[in-house]
Amino acid sequence: MRLNEALAGDALTRLKRAQGQLTAVVSMIEDGEECEKVLTQLAAVSKALDRAGFKLVASGLRHCQAARARGEQPPMDEAELEKLFLALA
């Protein structure tokens, strides 16, 4: 299944936000910030990445379900999507 901005939707927004957060974490380390602050922000980046991944899987499920409803062959089957989902867990 090929991704585009319409399919990625909210996941793309989350990834862009996480990109900015990660840049801030790198700057914090370079500036010698306290470990606790850096790790708190790093945890936020990690959570944002996880949520973006789950959003992509959910979008894929909806996309495949809509294809089936139209009588088309979906680009991925449930087993493939489950494998991707479990890779994120």
N, C-alpha and C. Protein backbone atom coordinates (compact mmCIF):
# COMPACT_ATOMS: atom_id res chain seq x y z
N MET A 1 0.85 -1.17 0.00
CA MET A 1 0.00 0.00 0.00
C MET A 1 0.90 1.23 0.00
N ARG A 2 0.70 2.07 -0.95
CA ARG A 2 1.48 3.30 -1.04
C ARG A 2 0.82 4.39 -0.20
N LEU A 3 1.66 5.13 0.52
CA LEU A 3 1.15 6.21 1.35
C LEU A 3 1.17 7.53 0.58
N ASN A 4 0.21 8.36 0.88
CA ASN A 4 0.21 9.74 0.39
C ASN A 4 -0.30 10.61 1.54
N GLU A 5 -0.27 11.90 1.35
CA GLU A 5 -0.67 12.81 2.43
C GLU A 5 -2.12 12.58 2.85
N ALA A 6 -2.99 12.27 1.90
CA ALA A 6 -4.39 12.06 2.25
C ALA A 6 -4.56 10.82 3.11
N LEU A 7 -3.84 9.76 2.81
CA LEU A 7 -3.94 8.53 3.58
C LEU A 7 -3.24 8.66 4.93
N ALA A 8 -2.10 9.32 4.94
CA ALA A 8 -1.32 9.47 6.18
C ALA A 8 -2.01 10.44 7.15
N GLY A 9 -2.58 11.50 6.62
CA GLY A 9 -3.36 12.45 7.41
C GLY A 9 -2.72 12.89 8.71
N ASP A 10 -3.40 12.54 9.82
CA ASP A 10 -2.97 12.96 11.15
C ASP A 10 -1.61 12.39 11.51
N ALA A 11 -1.27 11.23 10.97
CA ALA A 11 0.04 10.63 11.27
C ALA A 11 1.16 11.53 10.77
N LEU A 12 0.98 12.11 9.61
CA LEU A 12 1.99 13.00 9.06
C LEU A 12 2.16 14.23 9.94
N THR A 13 1.07 14.77 10.42
CA THR A 13 1.13 15.91 11.34
C THR A 13 1.89 15.54 12.60
N ARG A 14 1.60 14.37 13.14
CA ARG A 14 2.29 13.90 14.34
C ARG A 14 3.79 13.72 14.09
N LEU A 15 4.13 13.20 12.92
CA LEU A 15 5.54 12.99 12.59
C LEU A 15 6.29 14.32 12.46
N LYS A 16 5.65 15.29 11.88
CA LYS A 16 6.28 16.61 11.76
C LYS A 16 6.49 17.23 13.13
N ARG A 17 5.52 17.05 14.01
CA ARG A 17 5.65 17.56 15.38
C ARG A 17 6.78 16.82 16.10
N ALA A 18 6.86 15.52 15.93
CA ALA A 18 7.92 14.73 16.56
C ALA A 18 9.29 15.12 16.02
N GLN A 19 9.35 15.45 14.75
CA GLN A 19 10.61 15.91 14.15
C GLN A 19 11.10 17.17 14.85
N GLY A 20 10.20 18.09 15.10
CA GLY A 20 10.56 19.31 15.82
C GLY A 20 10.97 19.03 17.25
N GLN A 21 10.26 18.10 17.89
CA GLN A 21 10.61 17.72 19.26
C GLN A 21 12.00 17.08 19.30
N LEU A 22 12.29 16.23 18.34
CA LEU A 22 13.59 15.57 18.31
C LEU A 22 14.72 16.57 18.10
N THR A 23 14.49 17.54 17.24
CA THR A 23 15.48 18.60 17.03
C THR A 23 15.73 19.34 18.34
N ALA A 24 14.67 19.58 19.10
CA ALA A 24 14.81 20.25 20.40
C ALA A 24 15.59 19.38 21.38
N VAL A 25 15.37 18.08 21.36
CA VAL A 25 16.09 17.17 22.26
C VAL A 25 17.59 17.21 21.94
N VAL A 26 17.93 17.17 20.66
CA VAL A 26 19.34 17.24 20.26
C VAL A 26 19.96 18.54 20.76
N SER A 27 19.24 19.64 20.60
CA SER A 27 19.73 20.94 21.08
C SER A 27 19.90 20.95 22.59
N MET A 28 18.97 20.33 23.29
CA MET A 28 19.06 20.26 24.75
C MET A 28 20.34 19.54 25.18
N ILE A 29 20.64 18.44 24.50
CA ILE A 29 21.86 17.70 24.84
C ILE A 29 23.08 18.53 24.52
N GLU A 30 23.09 19.16 23.36
CA GLU A 30 24.23 20.00 22.97
C GLU A 30 24.42 21.17 23.93
N ASP A 31 23.32 21.67 24.49
CA ASP A 31 23.39 22.80 25.41
C ASP A 31 23.63 22.38 26.86
N GLY A 32 23.74 21.08 27.10
CA GLY A 32 24.03 20.60 28.45
C GLY A 32 22.86 20.65 29.41
N GLU A 33 21.66 20.47 28.91
CA GLU A 33 20.47 20.47 29.79
C GLU A 33 20.51 19.30 30.77
N GLU A 34 19.69 19.41 31.78
CA GLU A 34 19.58 18.35 32.79
C GLU A 34 19.04 17.07 32.15
N CYS A 35 19.59 15.95 32.60
CA CYS A 35 19.22 14.64 32.08
C CYS A 35 17.72 14.39 32.17
N GLU A 36 17.11 14.74 33.29
CA GLU A 36 15.69 14.50 33.49
C GLU A 36 14.84 15.22 32.44
N LYS A 37 15.19 16.47 32.15
CA LYS A 37 14.45 17.23 31.13
C LYS A 37 14.62 16.61 29.75
N VAL A 38 15.85 16.20 29.43
CA VAL A 38 16.12 15.59 28.13
C VAL A 38 15.32 14.29 27.97
N LEU A 39 15.37 13.46 29.00
CA LEU A 39 14.67 12.17 28.91
C LEU A 39 13.16 12.34 28.86
N THR A 40 12.63 13.35 29.55
CA THR A 40 11.20 13.62 29.48
C THR A 40 10.79 13.98 28.06
N GLN A 41 11.58 14.83 27.42
CA GLN A 41 11.28 15.22 26.04
C GLN A 41 11.49 14.06 25.07
N LEU A 42 12.51 13.25 25.33
CA LEU A 42 12.76 12.10 24.48
C LEU A 42 11.61 11.09 24.57
N ALA A 43 11.07 10.92 25.76
CA ALA A 43 9.90 10.05 25.94
C ALA A 43 8.71 10.58 25.15
N ALA A 44 8.55 11.91 25.13
CA ALA A 44 7.45 12.51 24.36
C ALA A 44 7.64 12.25 22.87
N VAL A 45 8.86 12.33 22.38
CA VAL A 45 9.14 12.05 20.97
C VAL A 45 8.80 10.60 20.66
N SER A 46 9.24 9.72 21.53
CA SER A 46 8.99 8.29 21.33
C SER A 46 7.49 7.99 21.27
N LYS A 47 6.74 8.58 22.18
CA LYS A 47 5.29 8.37 22.21
C LYS A 47 4.64 8.93 20.93
N ALA A 48 5.11 10.08 20.49
CA ALA A 48 4.57 10.68 19.26
C ALA A 48 4.83 9.78 18.06
N LEU A 49 6.01 9.19 17.99
CA LEU A 49 6.33 8.28 16.89
C LEU A 49 5.45 7.03 16.94
N ASP A 50 5.27 6.49 18.14
CA ASP A 50 4.41 5.31 18.28
C ASP A 50 2.99 5.61 17.83
N ARG A 51 2.47 6.74 18.28
CA ARG A 51 1.09 7.10 17.92
C ARG A 51 0.95 7.33 16.42
N ALA A 52 1.96 7.90 15.79
CA ALA A 52 1.93 8.09 14.35
C ALA A 52 1.88 6.74 13.64
N GLY A 53 2.67 5.80 14.12
CA GLY A 53 2.65 4.47 13.53
C GLY A 53 1.30 3.80 13.66
N PHE A 54 0.70 3.90 14.84
CA PHE A 54 -0.62 3.31 15.05
C PHE A 54 -1.67 3.99 14.17
N LYS A 55 -1.54 5.29 14.00
CA LYS A 55 -2.46 6.01 13.11
C LYS A 55 -2.34 5.50 11.67
N LEU A 56 -1.10 5.23 11.23
CA LEU A 56 -0.90 4.72 9.88
C LEU A 56 -1.54 3.33 9.71
N VAL A 57 -1.39 2.48 10.70
CA VAL A 57 -2.02 1.16 10.64
C VAL A 57 -3.54 1.31 10.60
N ALA A 58 -4.08 2.18 11.43
CA ALA A 58 -5.53 2.40 11.44
C ALA A 58 -6.02 2.92 10.10
N SER A 59 -5.26 3.83 9.49
CA SER A 59 -5.63 4.34 8.17
C SER A 59 -5.60 3.23 7.14
N GLY A 60 -4.59 2.37 7.25
CA GLY A 60 -4.49 1.23 6.34
C GLY A 60 -5.68 0.30 6.48
N LEU A 61 -6.10 0.05 7.72
CA LEU A 61 -7.28 -0.80 7.94
C LEU A 61 -8.53 -0.20 7.29
N ARG A 62 -8.71 1.11 7.52
CA ARG A 62 -9.88 1.78 6.92
C ARG A 62 -9.81 1.75 5.39
N HIS A 63 -8.62 1.98 4.84
CA HIS A 63 -8.43 1.99 3.39
C HIS A 63 -8.75 0.62 2.80
N CYS A 64 -8.26 -0.43 3.45
CA CYS A 64 -8.51 -1.79 2.96
C CYS A 64 -9.98 -2.17 3.09
N GLN A 65 -10.59 -1.76 4.18
CA GLN A 65 -12.01 -2.04 4.39
C GLN A 65 -12.86 -1.34 3.32
N ALA A 66 -12.52 -0.10 3.00
CA ALA A 66 -13.26 0.64 1.97
C ALA A 66 -13.08 -0.03 0.61
N ALA A 67 -11.89 -0.52 0.32
CA ALA A 67 -11.66 -1.21 -0.96
C ALA A 67 -12.55 -2.46 -1.04
N ARG A 68 -12.62 -3.22 0.04
CA ARG A 68 -13.47 -4.41 0.06
C ARG A 68 -14.94 -4.04 -0.14
N ALA A 69 -15.37 -2.96 0.50
CA ALA A 69 -16.77 -2.52 0.39
C ALA A 69 -17.12 -2.14 -1.04
N ARG A 70 -16.12 -1.67 -1.79
CA ARG A 70 -16.34 -1.32 -3.20
C ARG A 70 -16.19 -2.53 -4.12
N GLY A 71 -15.89 -3.69 -3.53
CA GLY A 71 -15.72 -4.91 -4.33
C GLY A 71 -14.34 -5.03 -4.95
N GLU A 72 -13.39 -4.24 -4.45
CA GLU A 72 -12.02 -4.27 -4.97
C GLU A 72 -11.13 -5.13 -4.08
N GLN A 73 -10.01 -5.54 -4.64
CA GLN A 73 -9.01 -6.26 -3.87
C GLN A 73 -8.21 -5.24 -3.05
N PRO A 74 -8.19 -5.37 -1.72
CA PRO A 74 -7.43 -4.41 -0.91
C PRO A 74 -5.93 -4.58 -1.15
N PRO A 75 -5.16 -3.49 -0.98
CA PRO A 75 -3.72 -3.57 -1.22
C PRO A 75 -2.97 -4.44 -0.22
N MET A 76 -3.57 -4.67 0.95
CA MET A 76 -2.96 -5.52 1.98
C MET A 76 -4.05 -6.36 2.62
N ASP A 77 -3.67 -7.53 3.12
CA ASP A 77 -4.65 -8.33 3.86
C ASP A 77 -4.47 -8.13 5.36
N GLU A 78 -5.37 -8.71 6.13
CA GLU A 78 -5.35 -8.52 7.58
C GLU A 78 -4.04 -9.01 8.21
N ALA A 79 -3.52 -10.12 7.70
CA ALA A 79 -2.29 -10.67 8.27
C ALA A 79 -1.11 -9.71 8.09
N GLU A 80 -1.04 -9.07 6.94
CA GLU A 80 0.04 -8.10 6.70
C GLU A 80 -0.10 -6.89 7.63
N LEU A 81 -1.31 -6.38 7.77
CA LEU A 81 -1.54 -5.25 8.66
C LEU A 81 -1.29 -5.62 10.12
N GLU A 82 -1.67 -6.83 10.50
CA GLU A 82 -1.41 -7.28 11.87
C GLU A 82 0.09 -7.35 12.13
N LYS A 83 0.84 -7.85 11.17
CA LYS A 83 2.29 -7.94 11.30
C LYS A 83 2.90 -6.55 11.50
N LEU A 84 2.44 -5.57 10.72
CA LEU A 84 2.92 -4.20 10.87
C LEU A 84 2.54 -3.62 12.22
N PHE A 85 1.31 -3.88 12.65
CA PHE A 85 0.87 -3.40 13.96
C PHE A 85 1.74 -3.97 15.07
N LEU A 86 1.99 -5.27 15.02
CA LEU A 86 2.81 -5.90 16.06
C LEU A 86 4.25 -5.44 16.03
N ALA A 87 4.73 -5.01 14.87
CA ALA A 87 6.09 -4.48 14.79
C ALA A 87 6.22 -3.19 15.59
N LEU A 88 5.11 -2.49 15.76
CA LEU A 88 5.12 -1.23 16.51
C LEU A 88 5.00 -1.46 18.02
N ALA A 89 4.43 -2.59 18.40
CA ALA A 89 4.17 -2.87 19.82
C ALA A 89 5.43 -3.26 20.56
